[in-house]
Amino acid sequence: PELAARLEQEGYAKIAEELGYEYHEEA
């Protein structure tokens, strides 16, 4: 669960970075 969420979070961050956006998640 935590690992999957982390991979998903990093995945979105990477995609956002490639698109030129900054990914921020409120924790």
C-alpha atoms as a PDB file:
ATOM      1  CA  PRO A   1       0.000   0.000   0.000  1.00  0.00           C
ATOM      2  CA  GLU A   2       2.556   2.609   1.051  1.00  0.00           C
ATOM      3  CA  LEU A   3       4.965   1.423  -1.640  1.00  0.00           C
ATOM      4  CA  ALA A   4       2.240   1.526  -4.278  1.00  0.00           C
ATOM      5  CA  ALA A   5       1.202   5.011  -3.185  1.00  0.00           C
ATOM      6  CA  ARG A   6       4.825   6.109  -3.263  1.00  0.00           C
ATOM      7  CA  LEU A   7       5.333   4.748  -6.779  1.00  0.00           C
ATOM      8  CA  GLU A   8       2.113   6.438  -7.871  1.00  0.00           C
ATOM      9  CA  GLN A   9       3.162   9.727  -6.261  1.00  0.00           C
ATOM     10  CA  GLU A  10       6.628   9.612  -7.833  1.00  0.00           C
ATOM     11  CA  GLY A  11       5.058   8.635 -11.140  1.00  0.00           C
ATOM     12  CA  TYR A  12       2.791  11.675 -11.135  1.00  0.00           C
ATOM     13  CA  ALA A  13       5.674  13.893 -10.045  1.00  0.00           C
ATOM     14  CA  LYS A  14       7.817  12.622 -12.915  1.00  0.00           C
ATOM     15  CA  ILE A  15       5.045  13.119 -15.459  1.00  0.00           C
ATOM     16  CA  ALA A  16       4.296  16.594 -14.112  1.00  0.00           C
ATOM     17  CA  GLU A  17       7.973  17.486 -14.257  1.00  0.00           C
ATOM     18  CA  GLU A  18       8.164  16.341 -17.875  1.00  0.00           C
ATOM     19  CA  LEU A  19       5.105  18.438 -18.644  1.00  0.00           C
ATOM     20  CA  GLY A  20       6.698  21.412 -16.938  1.00  0.00           C
ATOM     21  CA  TYR A  21       4.437  21.443 -13.907  1.00  0.00           C
ATOM     22  CA  GLU A  22       5.297  21.235 -10.240  1.00  0.00           C
ATOM     23  CA  TYR A  23       3.603  18.404  -8.416  1.00  0.00           C
ATOM     24  CA  HIS A  24       2.647  19.089  -4.818  1.00  0.00           C
ATOM     25  CA  GLU A  25       0.677  16.795  -2.576  1.00  0.00           C
ATOM     26  CA  GLU A  26      -0.808  18.078   0.639  1.00  0.00           C
ATOM     27  CA  ALA A  27       0.173  15.686   3.404  1.00  0.00           C
END
